[in-house]
Structures are given as C-alpha cells and as structure tokens.
C-alpha atoms as a PDB file:
ATOM      1  CA  UNK A   1       0.000   0.000   0.000  1.00  0.00           C
ATOM      2  CA  UNK A   2       2.818   2.438   0.636  1.00  0.00           C
ATOM      3  CA  UNK A   3       5.702   3.491   2.833  1.00  0.00           C
ATOM      4  CA  UNK A   4       6.074   5.073   6.226  1.00  0.00           C
ATOM      5  CA  UNK A   5       8.427   7.866   7.152  1.00  0.00           C
ATOM      6  CA  UNK A   6       9.008  10.369   9.913  1.00  0.00           C
ATOM      7  CA  UNK A   7       6.449  13.023   8.930  1.00  0.00           C
ATOM      8  CA  UNK A   8       3.626  13.131  11.444  1.00  0.00           C
ATOM      9  CA  UNK A   9       0.421  14.990  12.100  1.00  0.00           C
ATOM     10  CA  UNK A  10      -1.417  15.750  15.305  1.00  0.00           C
ATOM     11  CA  UNK A  11      -3.898  13.140  16.459  1.00  0.00           C
ATOM     12  CA  UNK A  12      -5.421  14.949  19.432  1.00  0.00           C
ATOM     13  CA  UNK A  13      -4.428  15.059  23.127  1.00  0.00           C
ATOM     14  CA  UNK A  14      -0.783  15.454  22.219  1.00  0.00           C
ATOM     15  CA  UNK A  15      -0.648  12.260  20.195  1.00  0.00           C
ATOM     16  CA  UNK A  16       1.013  12.123  16.801  1.00  0.00           C
ATOM     17  CA  UNK A  17       0.607   9.702  13.935  1.00  0.00           C
ATOM     18  CA  UNK A  18       2.058   9.139  10.498  1.00  0.00           C
ATOM     19  CA  UNK A  19       0.379  11.269   7.858  1.00  0.00           C
ATOM     20  CA  UNK A  20      -1.425   9.272   5.179  1.00  0.00           C
ATOM     21  CA  UNK A  21      -1.417  10.254   1.507  1.00  0.00           C
ATOM     22  CA  UNK A  22      -3.978   8.495  -0.714  1.00  0.00           C
ATOM     23  CA  UNK A  23      -3.180   8.311  -4.440  1.00  0.00           C
ATOM     24  CA  UNK A  24      -6.572   7.546  -5.934  1.00  0.00           C
ATOM     25  CA  UNK A  25      -6.163   7.395  -9.712  1.00  0.00           C
ATOM     26  CA  UNK A  26      -5.905   3.982 -11.389  1.00  0.00           C
ATOM     27  CA  UNK A  27      -2.531   2.262 -11.669  1.00  0.00           C
ATOM     28  CA  UNK A  28      -1.944   2.805 -15.445  1.00  0.00           C
ATOM     29  CA  UNK A  29      -2.691   6.517 -15.146  1.00  0.00           C
ATOM     30  CA  UNK A  30      -0.566   6.853 -12.021  1.00  0.00           C
ATOM     31  CA  UNK A  31       2.379   5.400 -13.936  1.00  0.00           C
ATOM     32  CA  UNK A  32       2.090   8.130 -16.570  1.00  0.00           C
ATOM     33  CA  UNK A  33       1.564  11.017 -14.129  1.00  0.00           C
ATOM     34  CA  UNK A  34       3.743  10.282 -11.113  1.00  0.00           C
ATOM     35  CA  UNK A  35       7.340   9.229 -11.607  1.00  0.00           C
ATOM     36  CA  UNK A  36       9.204   6.937  -9.248  1.00  0.00           C
ATOM     37  CA  UNK A  37      11.025  10.019  -7.980  1.00  0.00           C
ATOM     38  CA  UNK A  38       7.728  11.732  -7.192  1.00  0.00           C
ATOM     39  CA  UNK A  39       6.384   8.665  -5.415  1.00  0.00           C
ATOM     40  CA  UNK A  40       9.584   8.451  -3.375  1.00  0.00           C
ATOM     41  CA  UNK A  41       9.210  12.082  -2.339  1.00  0.00           C
ATOM     42  CA  UNK A  42       5.627  11.454  -1.256  1.00  0.00           C
ATOM     43  CA  UNK A  43       6.822   8.506   0.808  1.00  0.00           C
ATOM     44  CA  UNK A  44       9.163  10.857   2.675  1.00  0.00           C
ATOM     45  CA  UNK A  45       6.102  12.678   3.977  1.00  0.00           C
ATOM     46  CA  UNK A  46       4.147   9.719   5.264  1.00  0.00           C
ATOM     47  CA  UNK A  47       2.314   6.527   4.440  1.00  0.00           C
ATOM     48  CA  UNK A  48       1.366   6.366   0.770  1.00  0.00           C
ATOM     49  CA  UNK A  49      -1.675   4.296  -0.192  1.00  0.00           C
ATOM     50  CA  UNK A  50      -2.114   3.680  -3.913  1.00  0.00           C
ATOM     51  CA  UNK A  51      -4.768   2.259  -6.196  1.00  0.00           C
ATOM     52  CA  UNK A  52      -3.341  -0.917  -7.741  1.00  0.00           C
ATOM     53  CA  UNK A  53      -6.372  -1.568  -9.973  1.00  0.00           C
ATOM     54  CA  UNK A  54      -6.983  -0.386 -13.529  1.00  0.00           C
ATOM     55  CA  UNK A  55     -10.047   1.665 -12.536  1.00  0.00           C
ATOM     56  CA  UNK A  56     -10.866   4.177  -9.819  1.00  0.00           C
ATOM     57  CA  UNK A  57     -14.128   2.583  -8.731  1.00  0.00           C
ATOM     58  CA  UNK A  58     -15.944   4.206  -5.827  1.00  0.00           C
ATOM     59  CA  UNK A  59     -15.531   1.261  -3.461  1.00  0.00           C
ATOM     60  CA  UNK A  60     -11.831   1.085  -4.254  1.00  0.00           C
ATOM     61  CA  UNK A  61     -11.466   4.817  -3.609  1.00  0.00           C
ATOM     62  CA  UNK A  62     -13.241   4.451  -0.260  1.00  0.00           C
ATOM     63  CA  UNK A  63     -10.784   1.794   0.823  1.00  0.00           C
ATOM     64  CA  UNK A  64      -7.692   3.733  -0.245  1.00  0.00           C
ATOM     65  CA  UNK A  65      -8.777   7.108   1.146  1.00  0.00           C
ATOM     66  CA  UNK A  66      -9.741   5.684   4.556  1.00  0.00           C
ATOM     67  CA  UNK A  67      -7.951   7.672   7.249  1.00  0.00           C
ATOM     68  CA  UNK A  68      -6.083   9.845   4.729  1.00  0.00           C
ATOM     69  CA  UNK A  69      -4.908  13.399   5.409  1.00  0.00           C
ATOM     70  CA  UNK A  70      -4.152  14.173   1.756  1.00  0.00           C
ATOM     71  CA  UNK A  71      -5.722  12.786  -1.428  1.00  0.00           C
ATOM     72  CA  UNK A  72      -4.212  12.931  -4.908  1.00  0.00           C
ATOM     73  CA  UNK A  73      -6.808  12.634  -7.660  1.00  0.00           C
ATOM     74  CA  UNK A  74      -6.903  12.799 -11.441  1.00  0.00           C
ATOM     75  CA  UNK A  75      -9.039  11.836 -14.427  1.00  0.00           C
ATOM     76  CA  UNK A  76     -11.438   8.985 -13.701  1.00  0.00           C
ATOM     77  CA  UNK A  77     -11.637   9.471  -9.949  1.00  0.00           C
ATOM     78  CA  UNK A  78     -15.277   9.720  -8.816  1.00  0.00           C
ATOM     79  CA  UNK A  79     -16.718  12.757  -7.090  1.00  0.00           C
ATOM     80  CA  UNK A  80     -15.543  13.032  -3.493  1.00  0.00           C
ATOM     81  CA  UNK A  81     -19.016  13.005  -1.985  1.00  0.00           C
ATOM     82  CA  UNK A  82     -20.123  12.508   1.618  1.00  0.00           C
ATOM     83  CA  UNK A  83     -19.939   8.715   1.383  1.00  0.00           C
ATOM     84  CA  UNK A  84     -16.290   8.842   0.363  1.00  0.00           C
ATOM     85  CA  UNK A  85     -15.355  11.722   2.663  1.00  0.00           C
ATOM     86  CA  UNK A  86     -16.848   9.967   5.680  1.00  0.00           C
ATOM     87  CA  UNK A  87     -14.069   7.406   5.217  1.00  0.00           C
ATOM     88  CA  UNK A  88     -11.471  10.140   5.673  1.00  0.00           C
ATOM     89  CA  UNK A  89     -12.502  12.421   8.550  1.00  0.00           C
ATOM     90  CA  UNK A  90      -8.954  13.819   8.767  1.00  0.00           C
ATOM     91  CA  UNK A  91      -8.763  14.795   5.076  1.00  0.00           C
ATOM     92  CA  UNK A  92      -7.533  18.373   4.747  1.00  0.00           C
ATOM     93  CA  UNK A  93      -6.094  18.693   1.242  1.00  0.00           C
ATOM     94  CA  UNK A  94      -6.838  17.390  -2.278  1.00  0.00           C
ATOM     95  CA  UNK A  95      -4.245  17.721  -5.034  1.00  0.00           C
ATOM     96  CA  UNK A  96      -5.860  17.163  -8.441  1.00  0.00           C
ATOM     97  CA  UNK A  97      -3.339  15.944 -11.022  1.00  0.00           C
ATOM     98  CA  UNK A  98      -5.488  17.199 -13.916  1.00  0.00           C
ATOM     99  CA  UNK A  99      -7.139  20.415 -15.055  1.00  0.00           C
ATOM    100  CA  UNK A 100     -10.716  21.138 -14.037  1.00  0.00           C
ATOM    101  CA  UNK A 101     -11.759  19.937 -10.581  1.00  0.00           C
ATOM    102  CA  UNK A 102     -15.432  19.904 -11.590  1.00  0.00           C
ATOM    103  CA  UNK A 103     -15.637  16.119 -11.670  1.00  0.00           C
ATOM    104  CA  UNK A 104     -14.266  15.515  -8.179  1.00  0.00           C
ATOM    105  CA  UNK A 105     -15.486  18.368  -5.969  1.00  0.00           C
ATOM    106  CA  UNK A 106     -18.772  18.371  -4.054  1.00  0.00           C
ATOM    107  CA  UNK A 107     -20.653  20.675  -1.714  1.00  0.00           C
ATOM    108  CA  UNK A 108     -19.674  18.346   1.110  1.00  0.00           C
ATOM    109  CA  UNK A 109     -16.002  18.761   0.251  1.00  0.00           C
ATOM    110  CA  UNK A 110     -16.236  22.540   0.548  1.00  0.00           C
ATOM    111  CA  UNK A 111     -18.437  22.368   3.635  1.00  0.00           C
ATOM    112  CA  UNK A 112     -15.668  20.491   5.422  1.00  0.00           C
ATOM    113  CA  UNK A 113     -13.137  23.190   4.594  1.00  0.00           C
ATOM    114  CA  UNK A 114     -10.949  20.847   2.553  1.00  0.00           C
ATOM    115  CA  UNK A 115      -8.558  22.748   0.325  1.00  0.00           C
ATOM    116  CA  UNK A 116      -8.290  21.805  -3.342  1.00  0.00           C
ATOM    117  CA  UNK A 117      -5.569  22.585  -5.847  1.00  0.00           C
ATOM    118  CA  UNK A 118      -5.351  21.533  -9.507  1.00  0.00           C
ATOM    119  CA  UNK A 119      -2.648  21.221 -12.168  1.00  0.00           C
ATOM    120  CA  UNK A 120      -4.519  23.422 -14.644  1.00  0.00           C
ATOM    121  CA  UNK A 121      -1.766  26.023 -14.963  1.00  0.00           C
ATOM    122  CA  UNK A 122       0.994  23.445 -15.438  1.00  0.00           C
ATOM    123  CA  UNK A 123      -1.029  21.454 -17.976  1.00  0.00           C
ATOM    124  CA  UNK A 124      -1.868  24.653 -19.850  1.00  0.00           C
ATOM    125  CA  UNK A 125       1.765  25.049 -20.917  1.00  0.00           C
ATOM    126  CA  UNK A 126       1.650  21.833 -22.903  1.00  0.00           C
ATOM    127  CA  UNK A 127      -1.734  22.765 -24.390  1.00  0.00           C
ATOM    128  CA  UNK A 128      -0.560  26.208 -25.500  1.00  0.00           C
ATOM    129  CA  UNK A 129       2.689  24.822 -26.922  1.00  0.00           C
ATOM    130  CA  UNK A 130       0.697  22.262 -28.922  1.00  0.00           C
ATOM    131  CA  UNK A 131      -1.566  25.048 -30.195  1.00  0.00           C
ATOM    132  CA  UNK A 132       1.492  27.022 -31.303  1.00  0.00           C
ATOM    133  CA  UNK A 133       2.900  23.981 -33.071  1.00  0.00           C
ATOM    134  CA  UNK A 134      -0.365  23.380 -34.914  1.00  0.00           C
ATOM    135  CA  UNK A 135      -0.541  27.069 -35.853  1.00  0.00           C
ATOM    136  CA  UNK A 136       2.915  26.856 -37.404  1.00  0.00           C
ATOM    137  CA  UNK A 137       1.994  23.624 -39.202  1.00  0.00           C
ATOM    138  CA  UNK A 138      -1.150  25.262 -40.603  1.00  0.00           C
ATOM    139  CA  UNK A 139       0.724  28.324 -41.852  1.00  0.00           C
ATOM    140  CA  UNK A 140       3.437  26.212 -43.444  1.00  0.00           C
ATOM    141  CA  UNK A 141       0.869  23.759 -44.815  1.00  0.00           C
ATOM    142  CA  UNK A 142       2.956  20.932 -43.390  1.00  0.00           C
ATOM    143  CA  UNK A 143       0.245  18.348 -43.934  1.00  0.00           C
ATOM    144  CA  UNK A 144       0.030  19.045 -47.679  1.00  0.00           C
ATOM    145  CA  UNK A 145       3.822  18.906 -47.934  1.00  0.00           C
ATOM    146  CA  UNK A 146       3.849  15.606 -46.089  1.00  0.00           C
ATOM    147  CA  UNK A 147       1.296  14.112 -48.462  1.00  0.00           C
ATOM    148  CA  UNK A 148       3.191  15.291 -51.552  1.00  0.00           C
ATOM    149  CA  UNK A 149       6.506  13.977 -50.248  1.00  0.00           C
ATOM    150  CA  UNK A 150       4.977  10.600 -49.405  1.00  0.00           C
ATOM    151  CA  UNK A 151       3.757  10.448 -53.015  1.00  0.00           C
ATOM    152  CA  UNK A 152       7.245  11.205 -54.311  1.00  0.00           C
ATOM    153  CA  UNK A 153       6.614  14.833 -55.196  1.00  0.00           C
ATOM    154  CA  UNK A 154       6.908  18.329 -53.764  1.00  0.00           C
ATOM    155  CA  UNK A 155       4.526  21.222 -53.265  1.00  0.00           C
ATOM    156  CA  UNK A 156       4.968  23.636 -56.148  1.00  0.00           C
ATOM    157  CA  UNK A 157       2.313  26.192 -55.207  1.00  0.00           C
ATOM    158  CA  UNK A 158       3.984  28.309 -52.535  1.00  0.00           C
ATOM    159  CA  UNK A 159       0.948  30.546 -52.283  1.00  0.00           C
ATOM    160  CA  UNK A 160      -0.472  28.018 -49.827  1.00  0.00           C
ATOM    161  CA  UNK A 161       2.356  28.799 -47.398  1.00  0.00           C
ATOM    162  CA  UNK A 162       2.544  31.847 -45.182  1.00  0.00           C
ATOM    163  CA  UNK A 163       4.787  33.227 -42.482  1.00  0.00           C
ATOM    164  CA  UNK A 164       3.445  33.836 -39.012  1.00  0.00           C
ATOM    165  CA  UNK A 165       4.664  37.424 -39.072  1.00  0.00           C
ATOM    166  CA  UNK A 166       1.816  39.921 -39.160  1.00  0.00           C
ATOM    167  CA  UNK A 167      -0.952  37.342 -39.535  1.00  0.00           C
ATOM    168  CA  UNK A 168      -4.051  37.699 -37.346  1.00  0.00           C
ATOM    169  CA  UNK A 169      -4.932  34.906 -34.964  1.00  0.00           C
ATOM    170  CA  UNK A 170      -8.211  34.764 -33.044  1.00  0.00           C
ATOM    171  CA  UNK A 171      -8.079  33.311 -29.542  1.00  0.00           C
ATOM    172  CA  UNK A 172     -11.297  32.333 -27.767  1.00  0.00           C
ATOM    173  CA  UNK A 173     -10.715  32.110 -24.031  1.00  0.00           C
ATOM    174  CA  UNK A 174      -7.883  33.842 -22.200  1.00  0.00           C
ATOM    175  CA  UNK A 175      -7.445  31.449 -19.310  1.00  0.00           C
ATOM    176  CA  UNK A 176      -4.185  29.686 -18.473  1.00  0.00           C
ATOM    177  CA  UNK A 177      -3.761  28.054 -21.900  1.00  0.00           C
ATOM    178  CA  UNK A 178      -5.129  30.952 -23.955  1.00  0.00           C
ATOM    179  CA  UNK A 179      -3.040  33.611 -22.238  1.00  0.00           C
ATOM    180  CA  UNK A 180       0.151  31.527 -22.521  1.00  0.00           C
ATOM    181  CA  UNK A 181      -0.582  30.845 -26.196  1.00  0.00           C
ATOM    182  CA  UNK A 182      -0.914  34.601 -26.774  1.00  0.00           C
ATOM    183  CA  UNK A 183       2.379  35.113 -24.964  1.00  0.00           C
ATOM    184  CA  UNK A 184       4.123  32.560 -27.197  1.00  0.00           C
ATOM    185  CA  UNK A 185       2.721  34.204 -30.340  1.00  0.00           C
ATOM    186  CA  UNK A 186       4.353  37.527 -29.483  1.00  0.00           C
ATOM    187  CA  UNK A 187       7.752  36.205 -30.564  1.00  0.00           C
ATOM    188  CA  UNK A 188       6.417  35.865 -34.121  1.00  0.00           C
ATOM    189  CA  UNK A 189       4.960  39.354 -34.498  1.00  0.00           C
ATOM    190  CA  UNK A 190       1.403  38.032 -34.688  1.00  0.00           C
ATOM    191  CA  UNK A 191      -1.703  40.211 -34.383  1.00  0.00           C
ATOM    192  CA  UNK A 192      -3.998  38.670 -31.786  1.00  0.00           C
ATOM    193  CA  UNK A 193      -7.767  39.044 -31.500  1.00  0.00           C
ATOM    194  CA  UNK A 194      -8.747  37.700 -28.104  1.00  0.00           C
ATOM    195  CA  UNK A 195     -12.195  36.923 -26.762  1.00  0.00           C
ATOM    196  CA  UNK A 196     -13.106  35.805 -23.282  1.00  0.00           C
ATOM    197  CA  UNK A 197     -16.657  35.610 -21.824  1.00  0.00           C
ATOM    198  CA  UNK A 198     -15.328  37.052 -18.575  1.00  0.00           C
ATOM    199  CA  UNK A 199     -14.283  40.317 -20.220  1.00  0.00           C
ATOM    200  CA  UNK A 200     -16.319  43.410 -19.280  1.00  0.00           C
ATOM    201  CA  UNK A 201     -18.784  44.950 -21.760  1.00  0.00           C
ATOM    202  CA  UNK A 202     -16.403  47.630 -23.014  1.00  0.00           C
ATOM    203  CA  UNK A 203     -13.676  45.092 -23.702  1.00  0.00           C
ATOM    204  CA  UNK A 204     -16.147  42.765 -25.444  1.00  0.00           C
ATOM    205  CA  UNK A 205     -17.368  45.588 -27.683  1.00  0.00           C
ATOM    206  CA  UNK A 206     -13.780  46.474 -28.566  1.00  0.00           C
ATOM    207  CA  UNK A 207     -13.053  42.887 -29.599  1.00  0.00           C
ATOM    208  CA  UNK A 208     -16.157  42.745 -31.820  1.00  0.00           C
ATOM    209  CA  UNK A 209     -15.311  46.144 -33.327  1.00  0.00           C
ATOM    210  CA  UNK A 210     -11.822  44.945 -34.245  1.00  0.00           C
ATOM    211  CA  UNK A 211     -13.185  41.676 -35.626  1.00  0.00           C
ATOM    212  CA  UNK A 212     -15.676  43.526 -37.860  1.00  0.00           C
ATOM    213  CA  UNK A 213     -12.910  45.872 -39.069  1.00  0.00           C
ATOM    214  CA  UNK A 214     -10.812  42.835 -39.997  1.00  0.00           C
ATOM    215  CA  UNK A 215     -13.813  41.322 -41.811  1.00  0.00           C
ATOM    216  CA  UNK A 216     -14.282  44.500 -43.865  1.00  0.00           C
ATOM    217  CA  UNK A 217     -10.551  44.632 -44.646  1.00  0.00           C
ATOM    218  CA  UNK A 218     -10.494  41.038 -45.876  1.00  0.00           C
ATOM    219  CA  UNK A 219     -13.645  41.566 -47.947  1.00  0.00           C
ATOM    220  CA  UNK A 220     -12.084  44.566 -49.669  1.00  0.00           C
ATOM    221  CA  UNK A 221      -8.804  42.761 -50.335  1.00  0.00           C
ATOM    222  CA  UNK A 222     -10.471  39.653 -51.706  1.00  0.00           C
ATOM    223  CA  UNK A 223     -13.037  41.560 -53.746  1.00  0.00           C
ATOM    224  CA  UNK A 224     -15.438  38.672 -53.316  1.00  0.00           C
ATOM    225  CA  UNK A 225     -19.137  39.574 -53.276  1.00  0.00           C
ATOM    226  CA  UNK A 226     -19.863  36.276 -51.554  1.00  0.00           C
ATOM    227  CA  UNK A 227     -17.885  37.441 -48.522  1.00  0.00           C
ATOM    228  CA  UNK A 228     -20.998  38.550 -46.642  1.00  0.00           C
ATOM    229  CA  UNK A 229     -21.152  36.577 -43.378  1.00  0.00           C
ATOM    230  CA  UNK A 230     -19.604  38.008 -40.235  1.00  0.00           C
ATOM    231  CA  UNK A 231     -20.322  35.464 -37.516  1.00  0.00           C
ATOM    232  CA  UNK A 232     -19.512  36.599 -33.998  1.00  0.00           C
ATOM    233  CA  UNK A 233     -21.266  36.697 -30.665  1.00  0.00           C
ATOM    234  CA  UNK A 234     -23.099  34.124 -28.562  1.00  0.00           C
ATOM    235  CA  UNK A 235     -25.964  34.027 -26.095  1.00  0.00           C
ATOM    236  CA  UNK A 236     -24.353  36.204 -23.431  1.00  0.00           C
ATOM    237  CA  UNK A 237     -22.981  38.920 -25.751  1.00  0.00           C
ATOM    238  CA  UNK A 238     -24.960  38.796 -29.003  1.00  0.00           C
ATOM    239  CA  UNK A 239     -26.335  42.331 -28.510  1.00  0.00           C
ATOM    240  CA  UNK A 240     -22.824  43.813 -28.488  1.00  0.00           C
ATOM    241  CA  UNK A 241     -21.901  41.677 -31.507  1.00  0.00           C
ATOM    242  CA  UNK A 242     -24.900  42.900 -33.514  1.00  0.00           C
ATOM    243  CA  UNK A 243     -24.133  46.489 -32.571  1.00  0.00           C
ATOM    244  CA  UNK A 244     -20.645  46.060 -34.015  1.00  0.00           C
ATOM    245  CA  UNK A 245     -21.891  44.524 -37.275  1.00  0.00           C
ATOM    246  CA  UNK A 246     -22.395  40.787 -36.803  1.00  0.00           C
ATOM    247  CA  UNK A 247     -24.572  39.161 -39.466  1.00  0.00           C
ATOM    248  CA  UNK A 248     -24.872  35.812 -37.647  1.00  0.00           C
ATOM    249  CA  UNK A 249     -24.931  35.152 -33.917  1.00  0.00           C
ATOM    250  CA  UNK A 250     -25.028  31.831 -32.064  1.00  0.00           C
ATOM    251  CA  UNK A 251     -27.698  31.780 -29.357  1.00  0.00           C
ATOM    252  CA  UNK A 252     -28.341  28.073 -28.841  1.00  0.00           C
ATOM    253  CA  UNK A 253     -27.749  28.301 -25.102  1.00  0.00           C
ATOM    254  CA  UNK A 254     -30.319  31.067 -24.749  1.00  0.00           C
ATOM    255  CA  UNK A 255     -32.875  29.026 -26.667  1.00  0.00           C
ATOM    256  CA  UNK A 256     -32.237  25.494 -25.503  1.00  0.00           C
ATOM    257  CA  UNK A 257     -30.319  26.017 -22.249  1.00  0.00           C
END
C-alpha cells in the first residue's frame, strides 16, 4: 500500500501519527503522471496508499482514502461526496493531477473546509505549446507537404504557405492556456484578436469592433461579393456583436439552455 516515514500529524491530546497520503487514480494513469522520484518524495512525507487496480471505482477509492490526510486525484476518480469523505474524517487537502476539478469536488467537500488545488496552470503550458505547433503547421501547410513527399513529389504552389509574421490569430478564451498561447505568439509578431466571456462589456465591444474591421478589410482585399457573413457573438454577448456589425450570432444556449 505504501511506505512510512518520519512526517507526522497531530492526532489529538498530544498524540502524533504518520500522515497518510492516498493516491486515488488507477494504476496505469498513475504510472504516466507520477514518476518513481515523485512517489519516493511522497513517501518521505508519510504513508502512501495507492490504487493498484486499472479503474478508480468508488468502493476502491473508499478503501484507499480511509484515514487519509491528503488525497491525490486525477481523471477517472469519482466525485468526493459525503460517502467517500466519511471514510477520511482527517482529510484536509486534495491535489488534483489534472485540469478542471469539476468532476471531483462536491458541496460536502467545501463544507468540510478541505482545500483543493489543480494542475490546470501546469497542464496549460503543454496545451498552449501544442496550439502554437499546430498554428505553425497550418501556416506552413505541413500536412500538404507531407502528403506530396509521401507520393514522391513536392509542393509547387507556394501561395499556400505563409509566415506567421503579421498574420491575425483569433483566440477564444484567455485562461491559463489561452493567455500563454498569446504570450508565445508575441515572438512571431502576430496580431492577436482575443475573446473571453469574462471580459467586461467595453472590452467585449472592442473585440467585436476589431473583428468587424478585420472582416471588412479582408472583404475589400479579396473583392469577393460572396464574402458577406460576419459570424460573432453568442448568447451572453450577441447584442454587443450585432451592434458592431455581426450578421450571424449563435444563441443556442439562450434558446435550448
């Protein structure tokens, strides 16, 4: 189940006991997320109980978390509801080795004052770097080149290739991943149009205004009469989008919930 070491926690009336750390994700996932070095470091802090099965079933989680002070969760771990938390009355901290904690948190968890931290910021670096790589591949038309080379040829039409410099990239969502992606783009001299539903009304209007201006610029450059659709805005901001010149808005949430 784990190892014991000298780290202890208070047990009441001056007594001390070894702190227990419950690693709840299934064994295959644990192997990809937590290195042997990381597991050894955890063992320096107390008794480490791990899930040796290939699934994080609720009954298995209840057994592993029993008496734990700290729980380490990830994808596939069930919600830490009252039934599970009752098995760990000393639980004080949950470290989620994944992004959103939506799948594991519960009202009961918060009611007990248990602190929760996630790996969203750390994971966002890999996401934003992947997005940058795909952006470069799209501009360089890498996939078309790959297909031509596999067929023994070479791409002759270089008009399908562009540099990143001075292109305009739209970014929807400026959270951890979005903001880091924007930061990475700065090295290439890219123009960024950013949208985030948490922006205030003035900032939202400014984004739509810039998007409409870009639409008009592209329409003039292309000289294409079919270039008539400017789609921007959703249920929570469609009024601002229409005011700035949207011809199509997406309001499915407002209609269907």
